Amino acid sequence: GSIEADYLNGEIVLLARRIGVGAPVNEVLQREANRFARGKHAP
């Protein structure tokens, strides 16, 4: 029901936002991994 993406891909997203650069790949991975975990989709 949860996954570690906020602290992996999300760490890169956080750093990117702090310094004003983009991190679209990791942003999508963070979002989709969390969606899969909440929905309990199969790996």
PDB file of all heavy atoms in Angstrom:
ATOM      1  N   GLY A   1       0.803  -1.224   0.000  1.00  0.00           N
ATOM      2  CA  GLY A   1       0.000   0.000   0.000  1.00  0.00           C
ATOM      3  C   GLY A   1       0.831   1.268   0.000  1.00  0.00           C
ATOM      4  O   GLY A   1       0.291   2.368  -0.109  1.00  0.00           O
ATOM      5  N   SER A   2       2.140   1.147   0.137  1.00  0.00           N
ATOM      6  CA  SER A   2       3.044   2.298   0.068  1.00  0.00           C
ATOM      7  C   SER A   2       4.324   1.851  -0.597  1.00  0.00           C
ATOM      8  O   SER A   2       4.617   0.655  -0.705  1.00  0.00           O
ATOM      9  CB  SER A   2       3.320   2.886   1.452  1.00  0.00           C
ATOM     10  OG  SER A   2       4.040   1.959   2.254  1.00  0.00           O
ATOM     11  N   ILE A   3       5.099   2.838  -1.036  1.00  0.00           N
ATOM     12  CA  ILE A   3       6.339   2.555  -1.740  1.00  0.00           C
ATOM     13  C   ILE A   3       7.305   3.690  -1.434  1.00  0.00           C
ATOM     14  O   ILE A   3       6.894   4.775  -0.992  1.00  0.00           O
ATOM     15  CB  ILE A   3       6.076   2.399  -3.258  1.00  0.00           C
ATOM     16  CG1 ILE A   3       7.203   1.667  -3.968  1.00  0.00           C
ATOM     17  CG2 ILE A   3       5.772   3.748  -3.903  1.00  0.00           C
ATOM     18  CD1 ILE A   3       6.842   1.205  -5.384  1.00  0.00           C
ATOM     19  N   GLU A   4       8.585   3.467  -1.675  1.00  0.00           N
ATOM     20  CA  GLU A   4       9.618   4.391  -1.229  1.00  0.00           C
ATOM     21  C   GLU A   4       9.921   5.497  -2.243  1.00  0.00           C
ATOM     22  O   GLU A   4      10.877   6.259  -2.059  1.00  0.00           O
ATOM     23  CB  GLU A   4      10.899   3.595  -0.950  1.00  0.00           C
ATOM     24  CG  GLU A   4      11.756   4.152   0.145  1.00  0.00           C
ATOM     25  CD  GLU A   4      12.858   3.194   0.560  1.00  0.00           C
ATOM     26  OE1 GLU A   4      13.023   2.139  -0.075  1.00  0.00           O
ATOM     27  OE2 GLU A   4      13.554   3.516   1.536  1.00  0.00           O
ATOM     28  N   ALA A   5       9.115   5.633  -3.267  1.00  0.00           N
ATOM     29  CA  ALA A   5       9.446   6.536  -4.373  1.00  0.00           C
ATOM     30  C   ALA A   5       9.601   7.991  -3.937  1.00  0.00           C
ATOM     31  O   ALA A   5      10.393   8.733  -4.519  1.00  0.00           O
ATOM     32  CB  ALA A   5       8.381   6.431  -5.462  1.00  0.00           C
ATOM     33  N   ASP A   6       8.869   8.438  -2.918  1.00  0.00           N
ATOM     34  CA  ASP A   6       9.004   9.826  -2.460  1.00  0.00           C
ATOM     35  C   ASP A   6      10.407  10.123  -1.957  1.00  0.00           C
ATOM     36  O   ASP A   6      10.848  11.279  -1.986  1.00  0.00           O
ATOM     37  CB  ASP A   6       8.001  10.124  -1.336  1.00  0.00           C
ATOM     38  CG  ASP A   6       6.589  10.304  -1.842  1.00  0.00           C
ATOM     39  OD1 ASP A   6       6.404  10.483  -3.065  1.00  0.00           O
ATOM     40  OD2 ASP A   6       5.657  10.267  -1.020  1.00  0.00           O
ATOM     41  N   TYR A   7      11.128   9.096  -1.495  1.00  0.00           N
ATOM     42  CA  TYR A   7      12.461   9.288  -0.931  1.00  0.00           C
ATOM     43  C   TYR A   7      13.568   8.863  -1.883  1.00  0.00           C
ATOM     44  O   TYR A   7      14.745   8.972  -1.533  1.00  0.00           O
ATOM     45  CB  TYR A   7      12.564   8.527   0.395  1.00  0.00           C
ATOM     46  CG  TYR A   7      11.614   9.079   1.421  1.00  0.00           C
ATOM     47  CD1 TYR A   7      10.345   8.536   1.582  1.00  0.00           C
ATOM     48  CD2 TYR A   7      11.963  10.181   2.192  1.00  0.00           C
ATOM     49  CE1 TYR A   7       9.452   9.071   2.509  1.00  0.00           C
ATOM     50  CE2 TYR A   7      11.080  10.704   3.121  1.00  0.00           C
ATOM     51  CZ  TYR A   7       9.826  10.150   3.263  1.00  0.00           C
ATOM     52  OH  TYR A   7       8.951  10.678   4.182  1.00  0.00           O
ATOM     53  N   LEU A   8      13.201   8.398  -3.071  1.00  0.00           N
ATOM     54  CA  LEU A   8      14.166   8.053  -4.098  1.00  0.00           C
ATOM     55  C   LEU A   8      13.998   9.030  -5.261  1.00  0.00           C
ATOM     56  O   LEU A   8      14.653  10.057  -5.318  1.00  0.00           O
ATOM     57  CB  LEU A   8      13.993   6.590  -4.517  1.00  0.00           C
ATOM     58  CG  LEU A   8      14.140   5.558  -3.377  1.00  0.00           C
ATOM     59  CD1 LEU A   8      13.904   4.153  -3.880  1.00  0.00           C
ATOM     60  CD2 LEU A   8      15.492   5.671  -2.704  1.00  0.00           C
ATOM     61  N   ASN A   9      13.067   8.752  -6.160  1.00  0.00           N
ATOM     62  CA  ASN A   9      12.792   9.701  -7.241  1.00  0.00           C
ATOM     63  C   ASN A   9      12.354  11.045  -6.694  1.00  0.00           C
ATOM     64  O   ASN A   9      12.726  12.108  -7.215  1.00  0.00           O
ATOM     65  CB  ASN A   9      11.711   9.134  -8.161  1.00  0.00           C
ATOM     66  CG  ASN A   9      12.009   7.719  -8.611  1.00  0.00           C
ATOM     67  OD1 ASN A   9      11.542   6.777  -7.981  1.00  0.00           O
ATOM     68  ND2 ASN A   9      12.799   7.551  -9.650  1.00  0.00           N
ATOM     69  N   GLY A  10      11.572  11.016  -5.609  1.00  0.00           N
ATOM     70  CA  GLY A  10      11.094  12.259  -5.009  1.00  0.00           C
ATOM     71  C   GLY A  10      12.200  13.118  -4.433  1.00  0.00           C
ATOM     72  O   GLY A  10      12.064  14.341  -4.342  1.00  0.00           O
ATOM     73  N   GLU A  11      13.315  12.512  -4.041  1.00  0.00           N
ATOM     74  CA  GLU A  11      14.456  13.286  -3.545  1.00  0.00           C
ATOM     75  C   GLU A  11      15.056  14.124  -4.675  1.00  0.00           C
ATOM     76  O   GLU A  11      15.419  15.289  -4.471  1.00  0.00           O
ATOM     77  CB  GLU A  11      15.508  12.353  -2.960  1.00  0.00           C
ATOM     78  CG  GLU A  11      16.631  13.060  -2.237  1.00  0.00           C
ATOM     79  CD  GLU A  11      16.192  13.729  -0.943  1.00  0.00           C
ATOM     80  OE1 GLU A  11      15.312  13.166  -0.258  1.00  0.00           O
ATOM     81  OE2 GLU A  11      16.738  14.811  -0.622  1.00  0.00           O
ATOM     82  N   ILE A  12      15.132  13.543  -5.864  1.00  0.00           N
ATOM     83  CA  ILE A  12      15.641  14.279  -7.021  1.00  0.00           C
ATOM     84  C   ILE A  12      14.668  15.391  -7.402  1.00  0.00           C
ATOM     85  O   ILE A  12      15.074  16.519  -7.724  1.00  0.00           O
ATOM     86  CB  ILE A  12      15.880  13.329  -8.199  1.00  0.00           C
ATOM     87  CG1 ILE A  12      16.959  12.299  -7.845  1.00  0.00           C
ATOM     88  CG2 ILE A  12      16.262  14.101  -9.458  1.00  0.00           C
ATOM     89  CD1 ILE A  12      18.300  12.888  -7.472  1.00  0.00           C
ATOM     90  N   VAL A  13      13.390  15.097  -7.352  1.00  0.00           N
ATOM     91  CA  VAL A  13      12.373  16.115  -7.651  1.00  0.00           C
ATOM     92  C   VAL A  13      12.483  17.270  -6.656  1.00  0.00           C
ATOM     93  O   VAL A  13      12.437  18.455  -7.034  1.00  0.00           O
ATOM     94  CB  VAL A  13      10.974  15.491  -7.623  1.00  0.00           C
ATOM     95  CG1 VAL A  13       9.894  16.570  -7.740  1.00  0.00           C
ATOM     96  CG2 VAL A  13      10.822  14.470  -8.759  1.00  0.00           C
ATOM     97  N   LEU A  14      12.633  16.961  -5.387  1.00  0.00           N
ATOM     98  CA  LEU A  14      12.753  17.988  -4.352  1.00  0.00           C
ATOM     99  C   LEU A  14      13.975  18.871  -4.602  1.00  0.00           C
ATOM    100  O   LEU A  14      13.887  20.107  -4.568  1.00  0.00           O
ATOM    101  CB  LEU A  14      12.845  17.326  -2.983  1.00  0.00           C
ATOM    102  CG  LEU A  14      13.152  18.230  -1.781  1.00  0.00           C
ATOM    103  CD1 LEU A  14      12.046  19.254  -1.584  1.00  0.00           C
ATOM    104  CD2 LEU A  14      13.345  17.387  -0.523  1.00  0.00           C
ATOM    105  N   LEU A  15      15.126  18.249  -4.842  1.00  0.00           N
ATOM    106  CA  LEU A  15      16.340  19.020  -5.093  1.00  0.00           C
ATOM    107  C   LEU A  15      16.190  19.895  -6.333  1.00  0.00           C
ATOM    108  O   LEU A  15      16.604  21.060  -6.346  1.00  0.00           O
ATOM    109  CB  LEU A  15      17.530  18.072  -5.270  1.00  0.00           C
ATOM    110  CG  LEU A  15      18.100  17.440  -4.009  1.00  0.00           C
ATOM    111  CD1 LEU A  15      19.086  16.334  -4.366  1.00  0.00           C
ATOM    112  CD2 LEU A  15      18.779  18.492  -3.148  1.00  0.00           C
ATOM    113  N   ALA A  16      15.587  19.334  -7.380  1.00  0.00           N
ATOM    114  CA  ALA A  16      15.406  20.087  -8.621  1.00  0.00           C
ATOM    115  C   ALA A  16      14.538  21.317  -8.391  1.00  0.00           C
ATOM    116  O   ALA A  16      14.834  22.415  -8.889  1.00  0.00           O
ATOM    117  CB  ALA A  16      14.795  19.185  -9.690  1.00  0.00           C
ATOM    118  N   ARG A  17      13.488  21.160  -7.630  1.00  0.00           N
ATOM    119  CA  ARG A  17      12.601  22.289  -7.361  1.00  0.00           C
ATOM    120  C   ARG A  17      13.285  23.344  -6.503  1.00  0.00           C
ATOM    121  O   ARG A  17      13.045  24.542  -6.676  1.00  0.00           O
ATOM    122  CB  ARG A  17      11.319  21.788  -6.692  1.00  0.00           C
ATOM    123  CG  ARG A  17      10.417  21.002  -7.655  1.00  0.00           C
ATOM    124  CD  ARG A  17       9.259  20.327  -6.958  1.00  0.00           C
ATOM    125  NE  ARG A  17       8.392  19.635  -7.924  1.00  0.00           N
ATOM    126  CZ  ARG A  17       7.433  18.782  -7.589  1.00  0.00           C
ATOM    127  NH1 ARG A  17       7.215  18.500  -6.295  1.00  0.00           N
ATOM    128  NH2 ARG A  17       6.700  18.213  -8.525  1.00  0.00           N
ATOM    129  N   ARG A  18      14.129  22.913  -5.592  1.00  0.00           N
ATOM    130  CA  ARG A  18      14.838  23.868  -4.740  1.00  0.00           C
ATOM    131  C   ARG A  18      15.776  24.761  -5.533  1.00  0.00           C
ATOM    132  O   ARG A  18      15.951  25.937  -5.206  1.00  0.00           O
ATOM    133  CB  ARG A  18      15.633  23.120  -3.673  1.00  0.00           C
ATOM    134  CG  ARG A  18      14.805  22.634  -2.497  1.00  0.00           C
ATOM    135  CD  ARG A  18      15.675  21.841  -1.547  1.00  0.00           C
ATOM    136  NE  ARG A  18      14.944  21.464  -0.338  1.00  0.00           N
ATOM    137  CZ  ARG A  18      15.393  20.583   0.555  1.00  0.00           C
ATOM    138  NH1 ARG A  18      16.557  19.974   0.342  1.00  0.00           N
ATOM    139  NH2 ARG A  18      14.688  20.302   1.635  1.00  0.00           N
ATOM    140  N   ILE A  19      16.389  24.190  -6.570  1.00  0.00           N
ATOM    141  CA  ILE A  19      17.372  24.971  -7.319  1.00  0.00           C
ATOM    142  C   ILE A  19      16.826  25.471  -8.653  1.00  0.00           C
ATOM    143  O   ILE A  19      17.556  26.087  -9.433  1.00  0.00           O
ATOM    144  CB  ILE A  19      18.664  24.162  -7.552  1.00  0.00           C
ATOM    145  CG1 ILE A  19      18.379  22.895  -8.365  1.00  0.00           C
ATOM    146  CG2 ILE A  19      19.302  23.803  -6.221  1.00  0.00           C
ATOM    147  CD1 ILE A  19      19.631  22.085  -8.698  1.00  0.00           C
ATOM    148  N   GLY A  20      15.556  25.205  -8.928  1.00  0.00           N
ATOM    149  CA  GLY A  20      14.913  25.771 -10.102  1.00  0.00           C
ATOM    150  C   GLY A  20      15.239  25.090 -11.414  1.00  0.00           C
ATOM    151  O   GLY A  20      15.302  25.735 -12.466  1.00  0.00           O
ATOM    152  N   VAL A  21      15.434  23.771 -11.376  1.00  0.00           N
ATOM    153  CA  VAL A  21      15.633  23.016 -12.608  1.00  0.00           C
ATOM    154  C   VAL A  21      14.547  21.948 -12.703  1.00  0.00           C
ATOM    155  O   VAL A  21      13.811  21.710 -11.750  1.00  0.00           O
ATOM    156  CB  VAL A  21      17.037  22.372 -12.670  1.00  0.00           C
ATOM    157  CG1 VAL A  21      18.112  23.438 -12.599  1.00  0.00           C
ATOM    158  CG2 VAL A  21      17.216  21.341 -11.552  1.00  0.00           C
ATOM    159  N   GLY A  22      14.454  21.304 -13.864  1.00  0.00           N
ATOM    160  CA  GLY A  22      13.424  20.301 -14.064  1.00  0.00           C
ATOM    161  C   GLY A  22      13.914  18.897 -13.764  1.00  0.00           C
ATOM    162  O   GLY A  22      15.103  18.609 -13.853  1.00  0.00           O
ATOM    163  N   ALA A  23      12.963  18.029 -13.424  1.00  0.00           N
ATOM    164  CA  ALA A  23      13.259  16.606 -13.230  1.00  0.00           C
ATOM    165  C   ALA A  23      12.041  15.798 -13.678  1.00  0.00           C
ATOM    166  O   ALA A  23      11.449  15.054 -12.897  1.00  0.00           O
ATOM    167  CB  ALA A  23      13.601  16.316 -11.772  1.00  0.00           C
ATOM    168  N   PRO A  24      11.645  15.937 -14.958  1.00  0.00           N
ATOM    169  CA  PRO A  24      10.388  15.331 -15.410  1.00  0.00           C
ATOM    170  C   PRO A  24      10.377  13.807 -15.345  1.00  0.00           C
ATOM    171  O   PRO A  24       9.336  13.213 -15.058  1.00  0.00           O
ATOM    172  CB  PRO A  24      10.254  15.832 -16.850  1.00  0.00           C
ATOM    173  CG  PRO A  24      11.650  16.183 -17.276  1.00  0.00           C
ATOM    174  CD  PRO A  24      12.307  16.697 -16.041  1.00  0.00           C
ATOM    175  N   VAL A  25      11.510  13.164 -15.618  1.00  0.00           N
ATOM    176  CA  VAL A  25      11.532  11.699 -15.608  1.00  0.00           C
ATOM    177  C   VAL A  25      11.231  11.182 -14.206  1.00  0.00           C
ATOM    178  O   VAL A  25      10.359  10.332 -13.990  1.00  0.00           O
ATOM    179  CB  VAL A  25      12.897  11.169 -16.093  1.00  0.00           C
ATOM    180  CG1 VAL A  25      12.915   9.637 -16.032  1.00  0.00           C
ATOM    181  CG2 VAL A  25      13.186  11.653 -17.512  1.00  0.00           C
ATOM    182  N   ASN A  26      11.951  11.705 -13.222  1.00  0.00           N
ATOM    183  CA  ASN A  26      11.749  11.248 -11.850  1.00  0.00           C
ATOM    184  C   ASN A  26      10.402  11.702 -11.287  1.00  0.00           C
ATOM    185  O   ASN A  26       9.824  11.013 -10.439  1.00  0.00           O
ATOM    186  CB  ASN A  26      12.906  11.726 -10.978  1.00  0.00           C
ATOM    187  CG  ASN A  26      14.160  10.901 -11.211  1.00  0.00           C
ATOM    188  OD1 ASN A  26      14.278   9.793 -10.723  1.00  0.00           O
ATOM    189  ND2 ASN A  26      15.082  11.449 -12.008  1.00  0.00           N
ATOM    190  N   GLU A  27       9.900  12.820 -11.760  1.00  0.00           N
ATOM    191  CA  GLU A  27       8.575  13.264 -11.333  1.00  0.00           C
ATOM    192  C   GLU A  27       7.503  12.270 -11.752  1.00  0.00           C
ATOM    193  O   GLU A  27       6.623  11.897 -10.956  1.00  0.00           O
ATOM    194  CB  GLU A  27       8.287  14.635 -11.934  1.00  0.00           C
ATOM    195  CG  GLU A  27       6.969  15.242 -11.492  1.00  0.00           C
ATOM    196  CD  GLU A  27       6.732  16.601 -12.121  1.00  0.00           C
ATOM    197  OE1 GLU A  27       7.714  17.343 -12.331  1.00  0.00           O
ATOM    198  OE2 GLU A  27       5.562  16.905 -12.411  1.00  0.00           O
ATOM    199  N   VAL A  28       7.572  11.799 -12.993  1.00  0.00           N
ATOM    200  CA  VAL A  28       6.595  10.812 -13.467  1.00  0.00           C
ATOM    201  C   VAL A  28       6.754   9.493 -12.722  1.00  0.00           C
ATOM    202  O   VAL A  28       5.763   8.868 -12.317  1.00  0.00           O
ATOM    203  CB  VAL A  28       6.742  10.598 -14.985  1.00  0.00           C
ATOM    204  CG1 VAL A  28       5.904   9.407 -15.448  1.00  0.00           C
ATOM    205  CG2 VAL A  28       6.316  11.852 -15.741  1.00  0.00           C
ATOM    206  N   LEU A  29       7.992   9.067 -12.521  1.00  0.00           N
ATOM    207  CA  LEU A  29       8.221   7.804 -11.817  1.00  0.00           C
ATOM    208  C   LEU A  29       7.708   7.861 -10.382  1.00  0.00           C
ATOM    209  O   LEU A  29       7.099   6.908  -9.884  1.00  0.00           O
ATOM    210  CB  LEU A  29       9.702   7.454 -11.839  1.00  0.00           C
ATOM    211  CG  LEU A  29      10.276   7.102 -13.216  1.00  0.00           C
ATOM    212  CD1 LEU A  29      11.777   6.883 -13.122  1.00  0.00           C
ATOM    213  CD2 LEU A  29       9.589   5.879 -13.797  1.00  0.00           C
ATOM    214  N   GLN A  30       7.935   8.976  -9.714  1.00  0.00           N
ATOM    215  CA  GLN A  30       7.432   9.149  -8.353  1.00  0.00           C
ATOM    216  C   GLN A  30       5.901   9.060  -8.337  1.00  0.00           C
ATOM    217  O   GLN A  30       5.313   8.331  -7.533  1.00  0.00           O
ATOM    218  CB  GLN A  30       7.886  10.493  -7.792  1.00  0.00           C
ATOM    219  CG  GLN A  30       7.346  10.802  -6.396  1.00  0.00           C
ATOM    220  CD  GLN A  30       7.652  12.232  -5.969  1.00  0.00           C
ATOM    221  OE1 GLN A  30       8.057  13.070  -6.782  1.00  0.00           O
ATOM    222  NE2 GLN A  30       7.457  12.523  -4.695  1.00  0.00           N
ATOM    223  N   ARG A  31       5.269   9.799  -9.230  1.00  0.00           N
ATOM    224  CA  ARG A  31       3.809   9.830  -9.271  1.00  0.00           C
ATOM    225  C   ARG A  31       3.215   8.458  -9.586  1.00  0.00           C
ATOM    226  O   ARG A  31       2.290   7.988  -8.905  1.00  0.00           O
ATOM    227  CB  ARG A  31       3.357  10.842 -10.328  1.00  0.00           C
ATOM    228  CG  ARG A  31       1.846  11.004 -10.444  1.00  0.00           C
ATOM    229  CD  ARG A  31       1.494  11.814 -11.674  1.00  0.00           C
ATOM    230  NE  ARG A  31       1.731  11.046 -12.893  1.00  0.00           N
ATOM    231  CZ  ARG A  31       2.078  11.593 -14.068  1.00  0.00           C
ATOM    232  NH1 ARG A  31       2.285  12.897 -14.175  1.00  0.00           N
ATOM    233  NH2 ARG A  31       2.242  10.820 -15.129  1.00  0.00           N
ATOM    234  N   GLU A  32       3.748   7.791 -10.605  1.00  0.00           N
ATOM    235  CA  GLU A  32       3.171   6.520 -11.032  1.00  0.00           C
ATOM    236  C   GLU A  32       3.453   5.399 -10.040  1.00  0.00           C
ATOM    237  O   GLU A  32       2.603   4.536  -9.812  1.00  0.00           O
ATOM    238  CB  GLU A  32       3.698   6.152 -12.426  1.00  0.00           C
ATOM    239  CG  GLU A  32       3.217   7.083 -13.521  1.00  0.00           C
ATOM    240  CD  GLU A  32       1.703   7.132 -13.605  1.00  0.00           C
ATOM    241  OE1 GLU A  32       1.083   6.063 -13.753  1.00  0.00           O
ATOM    242  OE2 GLU A  32       1.139   8.243 -13.485  1.00  0.00           O
ATOM    243  N   ALA A  33       4.633   5.401  -9.427  1.00  0.00           N
ATOM    244  CA  ALA A  33       4.921   4.385  -8.419  1.00  0.00           C
ATOM    245  C   ALA A  33       3.983   4.515  -7.224  1.00  0.00           C
ATOM    246  O   ALA A  33       3.462   3.521  -6.706  1.00  0.00           O
ATOM    247  CB  ALA A  33       6.379   4.494  -7.970  1.00  0.00           C
ATOM    248  N   ASN A  34       3.728   5.754  -6.798  1.00  0.00           N
ATOM    249  CA  ASN A  34       2.784   5.961  -5.696  1.00  0.00           C
ATOM    250  C   ASN A  34       1.372   5.552  -6.090  1.00  0.00           C
ATOM    251  O   ASN A  34       0.633   4.971  -5.277  1.00  0.00           O
ATOM    252  CB  ASN A  34       2.812   7.420  -5.256  1.00  0.00           C
ATOM    253  CG  ASN A  34       3.981   7.737  -4.333  1.00  0.00           C
ATOM    254  OD1 ASN A  34       4.271   6.976  -3.422  1.00  0.00           O
ATOM    255  ND2 ASN A  34       4.655   8.845  -4.572  1.00  0.00           N
ATOM    256  N   ARG A  35       0.993   5.840  -7.311  1.00  0.00           N
ATOM    257  CA  ARG A  35      -0.350   5.441  -7.778  1.00  0.00           C
ATOM    258  C   ARG A  35      -0.486   3.922  -7.771  1.00  0.00           C
ATOM    259  O   ARG A  35      -1.507   3.382  -7.330  1.00  0.00           O
ATOM    260  CB  ARG A  35      -0.586   5.994  -9.182  1.00  0.00           C
ATOM    261  CG  ARG A  35      -1.962   5.650  -9.756  1.00  0.00           C
ATOM    262  CD  ARG A  35      -2.209   6.313 -11.093  1.00  0.00           C
ATOM    263  NE  ARG A  35      -1.353   5.766 -12.144  1.00  0.00           N
ATOM    264  CZ  ARG A  35      -1.637   4.670 -12.838  1.00  0.00           C
ATOM    265  NH1 ARG A  35      -2.742   3.970 -12.579  1.00  0.00           N
ATOM    266  NH2 ARG A  35      -0.829   4.245 -13.792  1.00  0.00           N
ATOM    267  N   PHE A  36       0.538   3.229  -8.252  1.00  0.00           N
ATOM    268  CA  PHE A  36       0.504   1.766  -8.261  1.00  0.00           C
ATOM    269  C   PHE A  36       0.433   1.214  -6.838  1.00  0.00           C
ATOM    270  O   PHE A  36      -0.290   0.249  -6.565  1.00  0.00           O
ATOM    271  CB  PHE A  36       1.738   1.231  -8.984  1.00  0.00           C
ATOM    272  CG  PHE A  36       1.467   0.769 -10.383  1.00  0.00           C
ATOM    273  CD1 PHE A  36       0.839   1.611 -11.291  1.00  0.00           C
ATOM    274  CD2 PHE A  36       1.827  -0.498 -10.811  1.00  0.00           C
ATOM    275  CE1 PHE A  36       0.588   1.204 -12.582  1.00  0.00           C
ATOM    276  CE2 PHE A  36       1.572  -0.930 -12.101  1.00  0.00           C
ATOM    277  CZ  PHE A  36       0.950  -0.075 -12.999  1.00  0.00           C
ATOM    278  N   ALA A  37       1.189   1.805  -5.915  1.00  0.00           N
ATOM    279  CA  ALA A  37       1.195   1.308  -4.537  1.00  0.00           C
ATOM    280  C   ALA A  37      -0.169   1.512  -3.881  1.00  0.00           C
ATOM    281  O   ALA A  37      -0.702   0.595  -3.237  1.00  0.00           O
ATOM    282  CB  ALA A  37       2.287   2.003  -3.735  1.00  0.00           C
ATOM    283  N   ARG A  38      -0.732   2.709  -4.046  1.00  0.00           N
ATOM    284  CA  ARG A  38      -2.049   2.974  -3.439  1.00  0.00           C
ATOM    285  C   ARG A  38      -3.116   2.056  -4.001  1.00  0.00           C
ATOM    286  O   ARG A  38      -4.006   1.592  -3.273  1.00  0.00           O
ATOM    287  CB  ARG A  38      -2.448   4.433  -3.671  1.00  0.00           C
ATOM    288  CG  ARG A  38      -1.653   5.439  -2.852  1.00  0.00           C
ATOM    289  CD  ARG A  38      -2.307   6.808  -2.915  1.00  0.00           C
ATOM    290  NE  ARG A  38      -2.408   7.305  -4.294  1.00  0.00           N
ATOM    291  CZ  ARG A  38      -1.494   8.044  -4.888  1.00  0.00           C
ATOM    292  NH1 ARG A  38      -0.379   8.360  -4.250  1.00  0.00           N
ATOM    293  NH2 ARG A  38      -1.668   8.465  -6.129  1.00  0.00           N
ATOM    294  N   GLY A  39      -3.048   1.794  -5.302  1.00  0.00           N
ATOM    295  CA  GLY A  39      -4.035   0.931  -5.947  1.00  0.00           C
ATOM    296  C   GLY A  39      -3.735  -0.541  -5.810  1.00  0.00           C
ATOM    297  O   GLY A  39      -4.509  -1.380  -6.277  1.00  0.00           O
ATOM    298  N   LYS A  40      -2.597  -0.873  -5.196  1.00  0.00           N
ATOM    299  CA  LYS A  40      -2.160  -2.257  -5.004  1.00  0.00           C
ATOM    300  C   LYS A  40      -2.130  -3.016  -6.329  1.00  0.00           C
ATOM    301  O   LYS A  40      -2.567  -4.169  -6.434  1.00  0.00           O
ATOM    302  CB  LYS A  40      -3.026  -2.967  -3.961  1.00  0.00           C
ATOM    303  CG  LYS A  40      -2.924  -2.322  -2.583  1.00  0.00           C
ATOM    304  CD  LYS A  40      -3.549  -3.156  -1.484  1.00  0.00           C
ATOM    305  CE  LYS A  40      -3.306  -2.505  -0.121  1.00  0.00           C
ATOM    306  NZ  LYS A  40      -3.867  -3.292   0.994  1.00  0.00           N
ATOM    307  N   HIS A  41      -1.573  -2.336  -7.345  1.00  0.00           N
ATOM    308  CA  HIS A  41      -1.384  -2.972  -8.640  1.00  0.00           C
ATOM    309  C   HIS A  41      -0.201  -3.928  -8.585  1.00  0.00           C
ATOM    310  O   HIS A  41       0.764  -3.722  -7.840  1.00  0.00           O
ATOM    311  CB  HIS A  41      -1.144  -1.920  -9.717  1.00  0.00           C
ATOM    312  CG  HIS A  41      -2.297  -0.984  -9.908  1.00  0.00           C
ATOM    313  ND1 HIS A  41      -3.513  -1.386 -10.427  1.00  0.00           N
ATOM    314  CD2 HIS A  41      -2.432   0.339  -9.646  1.00  0.00           C
ATOM    315  CE1 HIS A  41      -4.333  -0.349 -10.480  1.00  0.00           C
ATOM    316  NE2 HIS A  41      -3.705   0.711 -10.005  1.00  0.00           N
ATOM    317  N   ALA A  42      -0.256  -4.951  -9.410  1.00  0.00           N
ATOM    318  CA  ALA A  42       0.821  -5.941  -9.436  1.00  0.00           C
ATOM    319  C   ALA A  42       2.091  -5.336 -10.017  1.00  0.00           C
ATOM    320  O   ALA A  42       2.029  -4.505 -10.934  1.00  0.00           O
ATOM    321  CB  ALA A  42       0.394  -7.145 -10.265  1.00  0.00           C
ATOM    322  N   PRO A  43       3.253  -5.725  -9.513  1.00  0.00           N
ATOM    323  CA  PRO A  43       4.495  -5.200 -10.090  1.00  0.00           C
ATOM    324  C   PRO A  43       4.646  -5.656 -11.539  1.00  0.00           C
ATOM    325  O   PRO A  43       4.251  -6.763 -11.904  1.00  0.00           O
ATOM    326  CB  PRO A  43       5.592  -5.812  -9.204  1.00  0.00           C
ATOM    327  CG  PRO A  43       4.962  -7.030  -8.611  1.00  0.00           C
ATOM    328  CD  PRO A  43       3.512  -6.693  -8.433  1.00  0.00           C
TER     329      PRO A  43
END
